[in-house]
PDB file of N, CA and C in Angstrom:
ATOM      1  N   MET A   1       9.739   5.588  12.852  1.00  0.00           N
ATOM      2  CA  MET A   1       9.480   6.246  11.595  1.00  0.00           C
ATOM      3  C   MET A   1       9.990   5.366  10.449  1.00  0.00           C
ATOM      4  N   THR A   2       9.178   5.211   9.446  1.00  0.00           N
ATOM      5  CA  THR A   2       9.508   4.377   8.308  1.00  0.00           C
ATOM      6  C   THR A   2      10.200   5.222   7.241  1.00  0.00           C
ATOM      7  N   THR A   3      11.318   4.730   6.743  1.00  0.00           N
ATOM      8  CA  THR A   3      12.033   5.459   5.700  1.00  0.00           C
ATOM      9  C   THR A   3      11.450   5.111   4.330  1.00  0.00           C
ATOM     10  N   GLU A   4      11.767   5.939   3.342  1.00  0.00           N
ATOM     11  CA  GLU A   4      11.287   5.663   1.988  1.00  0.00           C
ATOM     12  C   GLU A   4      11.855   4.333   1.477  1.00  0.00           C
ATOM     13  N   GLN A   5      13.084   4.027   1.856  1.00  0.00           N
ATOM     14  CA  GLN A   5      13.698   2.763   1.440  1.00  0.00           C
ATOM     15  C   GLN A   5      12.944   1.571   2.042  1.00  0.00           C
ATOM     16  N   GLU A   6      12.531   1.692   3.303  1.00  0.00           N
ATOM     17  CA  GLU A   6      11.755   0.621   3.936  1.00  0.00           C
ATOM     18  C   GLU A   6      10.389   0.469   3.272  1.00  0.00           C
ATOM     19  N   LEU A   7       9.776   1.605   2.933  1.00  0.00           N
ATOM     20  CA  LEU A   7       8.489   1.555   2.234  1.00  0.00           C
ATOM     21  C   LEU A   7       8.649   0.890   0.873  1.00  0.00           C
ATOM     22  N   GLN A   8       9.718   1.236   0.160  1.00  0.00           N
ATOM     23  CA  GLN A   8       9.945   0.645  -1.164  1.00  0.00           C
ATOM     24  C   GLN A   8      10.159  -0.856  -1.043  1.00  0.00           C
ATOM     25  N   SER A   9      10.884  -1.282  -0.029  1.00  0.00           N
ATOM     26  CA  SER A   9      11.116  -2.699   0.190  1.00  0.00           C
ATOM     27  C   SER A   9       9.809  -3.433   0.461  1.00  0.00           C
ATOM     28  N   LEU A  10       8.973  -2.875   1.315  1.00  0.00           N
ATOM     29  CA  LEU A  10       7.670  -3.463   1.614  1.00  0.00           C
ATOM     30  C   LEU A  10       6.809  -3.517   0.360  1.00  0.00           C
ATOM     31  N   PHE A  11       6.786  -2.426  -0.386  1.00  0.00           N
ATOM     32  CA  PHE A  11       6.013  -2.355  -1.615  1.00  0.00           C
ATOM     33  C   PHE A  11       6.486  -3.439  -2.594  1.00  0.00           C
ATOM     34  N   ASN A  12       7.800  -3.569  -2.746  1.00  0.00           N
ATOM     35  CA  ASN A  12       8.345  -4.561  -3.676  1.00  0.00           C
ATOM     36  C   ASN A  12       7.977  -5.983  -3.276  1.00  0.00           C
ATOM     37  N   LYS A  13       7.907  -6.251  -1.972  1.00  0.00           N
ATOM     38  CA  LYS A  13       7.511  -7.583  -1.516  1.00  0.00           C
ATOM     39  C   LYS A  13       6.055  -7.869  -1.873  1.00  0.00           C
ATOM     40  N   LEU A  14       5.221  -6.844  -1.832  1.00  0.00           N
ATOM     41  CA  LEU A  14       3.814  -7.022  -2.177  1.00  0.00           C
ATOM     42  C   LEU A  14       3.595  -7.124  -3.680  1.00  0.00           C
ATOM     43  N   ASP A  15       4.430  -6.467  -4.444  1.00  0.00           N
ATOM     44  CA  ASP A  15       4.287  -6.427  -5.900  1.00  0.00           C
ATOM     45  C   ASP A  15       4.815  -7.725  -6.487  1.00  0.00           C
ATOM     46  N   GLY A  16       4.015  -8.773  -6.366  1.00  0.00           N
ATOM     47  CA  GLY A  16       4.448 -10.113  -6.740  1.00  0.00           C
ATOM     48  C   GLY A  16       4.905 -10.247  -8.178  1.00  0.00           C
ATOM     49  N   ASP A  17       4.244  -9.592  -9.115  1.00  0.00           N
ATOM     50  CA  ASP A  17       4.634  -9.718 -10.516  1.00  0.00           C
ATOM     51  C   ASP A  17       5.593  -8.619 -10.967  1.00  0.00           C
ATOM     52  N   GLN A  18       6.017  -7.782 -10.005  1.00  0.00           N
ATOM     53  CA  GLN A  18       7.009  -6.724 -10.257  1.00  0.00           C
ATOM     54  C   GLN A  18       6.612  -5.802 -11.413  1.00  0.00           C
ATOM     55  N   ASP A  19       5.315  -5.449 -11.481  1.00  0.00           N
ATOM     56  CA  ASP A  19       4.860  -4.537 -12.532  1.00  0.00           C
ATOM     57  C   ASP A  19       4.784  -3.091 -12.058  1.00  0.00           C
ATOM     58  N   GLY A  20       5.242  -2.843 -10.820  1.00  0.00           N
ATOM     59  CA  GLY A  20       5.240  -1.482 -10.294  1.00  0.00           C
ATOM     60  C   GLY A  20       3.928  -1.073  -9.664  1.00  0.00           C
ATOM     61  N   LYS A  21       3.017  -2.039  -9.537  1.00  0.00           N
ATOM     62  CA  LYS A  21       1.704  -1.783  -8.946  1.00  0.00           C
ATOM     63  C   LYS A  21       1.343  -2.925  -8.012  1.00  0.00           C
ATOM     64  N   VAL A  22       0.602  -2.585  -6.961  1.00  0.00           N
ATOM     65  CA  VAL A  22       0.085  -3.601  -6.050  1.00  0.00           C
ATOM     66  C   VAL A  22      -1.413  -3.670  -6.270  1.00  0.00           C
ATOM     67  N   SER A  23      -1.868  -4.820  -6.746  1.00  0.00           N
ATOM     68  CA  SER A  23      -3.291  -5.018  -6.999  1.00  0.00           C
ATOM     69  C   SER A  23      -3.973  -5.586  -5.759  1.00  0.00           C
ATOM     70  N   ILE A  24      -5.278  -5.614  -5.797  1.00  0.00           N
ATOM     71  CA  ILE A  24      -6.029  -6.203  -4.695  1.00  0.00           C
ATOM     72  C   ILE A  24      -5.638  -7.678  -4.546  1.00  0.00           C
ATOM     73  N   ASN A  25      -5.356  -8.364  -5.658  1.00  0.00           N
ATOM     74  CA  ASN A  25      -4.925  -9.765  -5.586  1.00  0.00           C
ATOM     75  C   ASN A  25      -3.579  -9.890  -4.885  1.00  0.00           C
ATOM     76  N   ASP A  26      -2.643  -8.975  -5.180  1.00  0.00           N
ATOM     77  CA  ASP A  26      -1.349  -8.991  -4.492  1.00  0.00           C
ATOM     78  C   ASP A  26      -1.551  -8.852  -2.990  1.00  0.00           C
ATOM     79  N   LEU A  27      -2.451  -7.961  -2.596  1.00  0.00           N
ATOM     80  CA  LEU A  27      -2.702  -7.733  -1.171  1.00  0.00           C
ATOM     81  C   LEU A  27      -3.290  -8.969  -0.507  1.00  0.00           C
ATOM     82  N   PHE A  28      -4.215  -9.644  -1.184  1.00  0.00           N
ATOM     83  CA  PHE A  28      -4.835 -10.824  -0.589  1.00  0.00           C
ATOM     84  C   PHE A  28      -3.915 -12.042  -0.604  1.00  0.00           C
ATOM     85  N   LEU A  29      -2.938 -12.068  -1.514  1.00  0.00           N
ATOM     86  CA  LEU A  29      -2.007 -13.188  -1.554  1.00  0.00           C
ATOM     87  C   LEU A  29      -0.950 -13.103  -0.455  1.00  0.00           C
ATOM     88  N   SER A  30      -0.838 -11.941   0.180  1.00  0.00           N
ATOM     89  CA  SER A  30       0.142 -11.738   1.257  1.00  0.00           C
ATOM     90  C   SER A  30      -0.555 -11.160   2.479  1.00  0.00           C
ATOM     91  N   PRO A  31      -1.354 -11.977   3.185  1.00  0.00           N
ATOM     92  CA  PRO A  31      -2.134 -11.433   4.297  1.00  0.00           C
ATOM     93  C   PRO A  31      -1.299 -10.786   5.386  1.00  0.00           C
ATOM     94  N   GLY A  32      -0.128 -11.321   5.673  1.00  0.00           N
ATOM     95  CA  GLY A  32       0.724 -10.716   6.705  1.00  0.00           C
ATOM     96  C   GLY A  32       1.212  -9.346   6.286  1.00  0.00           C
ATOM     97  N   LEU A  33       1.692  -9.260   5.054  1.00  0.00           N
ATOM     98  CA  LEU A  33       2.144  -7.962   4.539  1.00  0.00           C
ATOM     99  C   LEU A  33       0.964  -7.005   4.391  1.00  0.00           C
ATOM    100  N   SER A  34      -0.176  -7.533   4.003  1.00  0.00           N
ATOM    101  CA  SER A  34      -1.369  -6.702   3.873  1.00  0.00           C
ATOM    102  C   SER A  34      -1.739  -6.075   5.208  1.00  0.00           C
ATOM    103  N   ALA A  35      -1.584  -6.828   6.285  1.00  0.00           N
ATOM    104  CA  ALA A  35      -1.875  -6.292   7.621  1.00  0.00           C
ATOM    105  C   ALA A  35      -0.926  -5.145   7.956  1.00  0.00           C
ATOM    106  N   ILE A  36       0.338  -5.277   7.567  1.00  0.00           N
ATOM    107  CA  ILE A  36       1.301  -4.196   7.798  1.00  0.00           C
ATOM    108  C   ILE A  36       0.906  -2.964   6.988  1.00  0.00           C
ATOM    109  N   ILE A  37       0.513  -3.188   5.734  1.00  0.00           N
ATOM    110  CA  ILE A  37       0.098  -2.078   4.866  1.00  0.00           C
ATOM    111  C   ILE A  37      -1.098  -1.341   5.463  1.00  0.00           C
ATOM    112  N   THR A  38      -2.111  -2.069   5.891  1.00  0.00           N
ATOM    113  CA  THR A  38      -3.283  -1.401   6.449  1.00  0.00           C
ATOM    114  C   THR A  38      -2.926  -0.660   7.731  1.00  0.00           C
ATOM    115  N   SER A  39      -1.997  -1.203   8.504  1.00  0.00           N
ATOM    116  CA  SER A  39      -1.534  -0.515   9.705  1.00  0.00           C
ATOM    117  C   SER A  39      -0.774   0.764   9.348  1.00  0.00           C
ATOM    118  N   GLU A  40       0.143   0.662   8.383  1.00  0.00           N
ATOM    119  CA  GLU A  40       0.960   1.815   7.974  1.00  0.00           C
ATOM    120  C   GLU A  40       0.115   2.931   7.369  1.00  0.00           C
ATOM    121  N   THR A  41      -0.977   2.545   6.701  1.00  0.00           N
ATOM    122  CA  THR A  41      -1.788   3.548   6.002  1.00  0.00           C
ATOM    123  C   THR A  41      -3.039   3.947   6.778  1.00  0.00           C
ATOM    124  N   ASN A  42      -3.218   3.376   7.947  1.00  0.00           N
ATOM    125  CA  ASN A  42      -4.367   3.676   8.788  1.00  0.00           C
ATOM    126  C   ASN A  42      -5.692   3.369   8.080  1.00  0.00           C
ATOM    127  N   THR A  43      -5.708   2.272   7.317  1.00  0.00           N
ATOM    128  CA  THR A  43      -6.931   1.795   6.678  1.00  0.00           C
ATOM    129  C   THR A  43      -7.303   0.471   7.317  1.00  0.00           C
ATOM    130  N   SER A  44      -8.553   0.075   7.145  1.00  0.00           N
ATOM    131  CA  SER A  44      -9.001  -1.148   7.808  1.00  0.00           C
ATOM    132  C   SER A  44      -8.940  -2.385   6.920  1.00  0.00           C
ATOM    133  N   SER A  45      -8.753  -2.199   5.609  1.00  0.00           N
ATOM    134  CA  SER A  45      -8.720  -3.344   4.708  1.00  0.00           C
ATOM    135  C   SER A  45      -8.040  -2.965   3.396  1.00  0.00           C
ATOM    136  N   PRO A  46      -7.607  -3.967   2.631  1.00  0.00           N
ATOM    137  CA  PRO A  46      -7.051  -3.664   1.310  1.00  0.00           C
ATOM    138  C   PRO A  46      -8.035  -2.925   0.413  1.00  0.00           C
ATOM    139  N   GLN A  47      -9.319  -3.283   0.509  1.00  0.00           N
ATOM    140  CA  GLN A  47     -10.320  -2.602  -0.303  1.00  0.00           C
ATOM    141  C   GLN A  47     -10.385  -1.121   0.036  1.00  0.00           C
ATOM    142  N   GLU A  48     -10.337  -0.798   1.329  1.00  0.00           N
ATOM    143  CA  GLU A  48     -10.371   0.603   1.741  1.00  0.00           C
ATOM    144  C   GLU A  48      -9.140   1.353   1.235  1.00  0.00           C
ATOM    145  N   LEU A  49      -7.992   0.688   1.268  1.00  0.00           N
ATOM    146  CA  LEU A  49      -6.769   1.293   0.750  1.00  0.00           C
ATOM    147  C   LEU A  49      -6.965   1.676  -0.718  1.00  0.00           C
ATOM    148  N   LEU A  50      -7.508   0.751  -1.513  1.00  0.00           N
ATOM    149  CA  LEU A  50      -7.734   1.040  -2.926  1.00  0.00           C
ATOM    150  C   LEU A  50      -8.748   2.157  -3.120  1.00  0.00           C
ATOM    151  N   VAL A  51      -9.830   2.119  -2.394  1.00  0.00           N
ATOM    152  CA  VAL A  51     -10.868   3.154  -2.541  1.00  0.00           C
ATOM    153  C   VAL A  51     -10.314   4.531  -2.210  1.00  0.00           C
ATOM    154  N   GLN A  52      -9.536   4.627  -1.146  1.00  0.00           N
ATOM    155  CA  GLN A  52      -9.054   5.931  -0.698  1.00  0.00           C
ATOM    156  C   GLN A  52      -7.851   6.444  -1.480  1.00  0.00           C
ATOM    157  N   TYR A  53      -6.967   5.558  -1.936  1.00  0.00           N
ATOM    158  CA  TYR A  53      -5.675   6.024  -2.445  1.00  0.00           C
ATOM    159  C   TYR A  53      -5.358   5.641  -3.883  1.00  0.00           C
ATOM    160  N   ASP A  54      -6.231   4.932  -4.548  1.00  0.00           N
ATOM    161  CA  ASP A  54      -6.020   4.615  -5.964  1.00  0.00           C
ATOM    162  C   ASP A  54      -6.451   5.824  -6.787  1.00  0.00           C
ATOM    163  N   SER A  55      -5.579   6.822  -6.847  1.00  0.00           N
ATOM    164  CA  SER A  55      -5.955   8.111  -7.437  1.00  0.00           C
ATOM    165  C   SER A  55      -6.280   8.037  -8.921  1.00  0.00           C
ATOM    166  N   ASP A  56      -5.653   7.119  -9.649  1.00  0.00           N
ATOM    167  CA  ASP A  56      -5.961   7.015 -11.075  1.00  0.00           C
ATOM    168  C   ASP A  56      -7.031   5.964 -11.373  1.00  0.00           C
ATOM    169  N   LYS A  57      -7.568   5.367 -10.329  1.00  0.00           N
ATOM    170  CA  LYS A  57      -8.689   4.408 -10.407  1.00  0.00           C
ATOM    171  C   LYS A  57      -8.430   3.254 -11.376  1.00  0.00           C
ATOM    172  N   ASP A  58      -7.184   2.750 -11.362  1.00  0.00           N
ATOM    173  CA  ASP A  58      -6.863   1.627 -12.237  1.00  0.00           C
ATOM    174  C   ASP A  58      -6.944   0.278 -11.519  1.00  0.00           C
ATOM    175  N   GLY A  59      -7.392   0.286 -10.270  1.00  0.00           N
ATOM    176  CA  GLY A  59      -7.560  -0.959  -9.524  1.00  0.00           C
ATOM    177  C   GLY A  59      -6.310  -1.448  -8.836  1.00  0.00           C
ATOM    178  N   SER A  60      -5.285  -0.602  -8.790  1.00  0.00           N
ATOM    179  CA  SER A  60      -4.048  -0.981  -8.111  1.00  0.00           C
ATOM    180  C   SER A  60      -3.393   0.256  -7.510  1.00  0.00           C
ATOM    181  N   ILE A  61      -2.429   0.014  -6.649  1.00  0.00           N
ATOM    182  CA  ILE A  61      -1.720   1.085  -5.952  1.00  0.00           C
ATOM    183  C   ILE A  61      -0.284   1.132  -6.464  1.00  0.00           C
ATOM    184  N   THR A  62       0.135   2.300  -6.929  1.00  0.00           N
ATOM    185  CA  THR A  62       1.536   2.488  -7.313  1.00  0.00           C
ATOM    186  C   THR A  62       2.333   2.840  -6.065  1.00  0.00           C
ATOM    187  N   PHE A  63       3.652   2.838  -6.185  1.00  0.00           N
ATOM    188  CA  PHE A  63       4.473   3.202  -5.035  1.00  0.00           C
ATOM    189  C   PHE A  63       4.169   4.627  -4.586  1.00  0.00           C
ATOM    190  N   GLU A  64       3.985   5.539  -5.517  1.00  0.00           N
ATOM    191  CA  GLU A  64       3.696   6.935  -5.154  1.00  0.00           C
ATOM    192  C   GLU A  64       2.368   7.046  -4.405  1.00  0.00           C
ATOM    193  N   GLU A  65       1.356   6.292  -4.842  1.00  0.00           N
ATOM    194  CA  GLU A  65       0.069   6.289  -4.142  1.00  0.00           C
ATOM    195  C   GLU A  65       0.232   5.688  -2.744  1.00  0.00           C
ATOM    196  N   PHE A  66       1.020   4.635  -2.650  1.00  0.00           N
ATOM    197  CA  PHE A  66       1.274   3.999  -1.358  1.00  0.00           C
ATOM    198  C   PHE A  66       1.998   4.959  -0.419  1.00  0.00           C
ATOM    199  N   LYS A  67       3.014   5.624  -0.937  1.00  0.00           N
ATOM    200  CA  LYS A  67       3.785   6.570  -0.126  1.00  0.00           C
ATOM    201  C   LYS A  67       2.882   7.711   0.361  1.00  0.00           C
ATOM    202  N   GLU A  68       2.003   8.191  -0.503  1.00  0.00           N
ATOM    203  CA  GLU A  68       1.056   9.245  -0.118  1.00  0.00           C
ATOM    204  C   GLU A  68       0.131   8.765   0.997  1.00  0.00           C
ATOM    205  N   ALA A  69      -0.323   7.525   0.899  1.00  0.00           N
ATOM    206  CA  ALA A  69      -1.209   6.966   1.926  1.00  0.00           C
ATOM    207  C   ALA A  69      -0.507   6.907   3.272  1.00  0.00           C
ATOM    208  N   VAL A  70       0.745   6.466   3.282  1.00  0.00           N
ATOM    209  CA  VAL A  70       1.510   6.378   4.530  1.00  0.00           C
ATOM    210  C   VAL A  70       1.753   7.779   5.095  1.00  0.00           C
ATOM    211  N   GLU A  71       2.116   8.729   4.239  1.00  0.00           N
ATOM    212  CA  GLU A  71       2.358  10.097   4.705  1.00  0.00           C
ATOM    213  C   GLU A  71       1.107  10.709   5.313  1.00  0.00           C
ATOM    214  N   LYS A  72      -0.059  10.488   4.686  1.00  0.00           N
ATOM    215  CA  LYS A  72      -1.315  11.001   5.241  1.00  0.00           C
ATOM    216  C   LYS A  72      -1.614  10.357   6.579  1.00  0.00           C
ATOM    217  N   ALA A  73      -1.387   9.046   6.679  1.00  0.00           N
ATOM    218  CA  ALA A  73      -1.659   8.322   7.934  1.00  0.00           C
ATOM    219  C   ALA A  73      -0.756   8.842   9.043  1.00  0.00           C
ATOM    220  N   LYS A  74       0.500   9.116   8.741  1.00  0.00           N
ATOM    221  CA  LYS A  74       1.438   9.603   9.758  1.00  0.00           C
ATOM    222  C   LYS A  74       1.062  11.004  10.240  1.00  0.00           C
ATOM    223  N   ASN A  75       0.482  11.813   9.356  1.00  0.00           N
ATOM    224  CA  ASN A  75       0.045  13.155   9.750  1.00  0.00           C
ATOM    225  C   ASN A  75      -1.190  13.108  10.635  1.00  0.00           C
ATOM    226  N   LEU A  76      -1.978  12.032  10.524  1.00  0.00           N
ATOM    227  CA  LEU A  76      -3.173  11.904  11.333  1.00  0.00           C
ATOM    228  C   LEU A  76      -2.859  11.487  12.753  1.00  0.00           C
ATOM    229  N   ASN A  77      -1.743  10.812  12.954  1.00  0.00           N
ATOM    230  CA  ASN A  77      -1.383  10.296  14.285  1.00  0.00           C
ATOM    231  C   ASN A  77      -0.807  11.366  15.170  1.00  0.00           C
TER     232      ASN A  77
END
């Protein structure tokens, strides 16, 4: 089970410019971390993650959106 602190750490590693959001570019610049993200969120690609969980449609994922994606994925398993 992943803790919120572990999720925040992973999110921070992906958020290269530290703006509080993970963009599609951030995801593609870190393919290894991106693979972990898609695994944690039960999505098949960074694009799918954005389509499904970018609730404000700004083209990036906030920590809250990321946490929601992981929580939904864990409920599906």
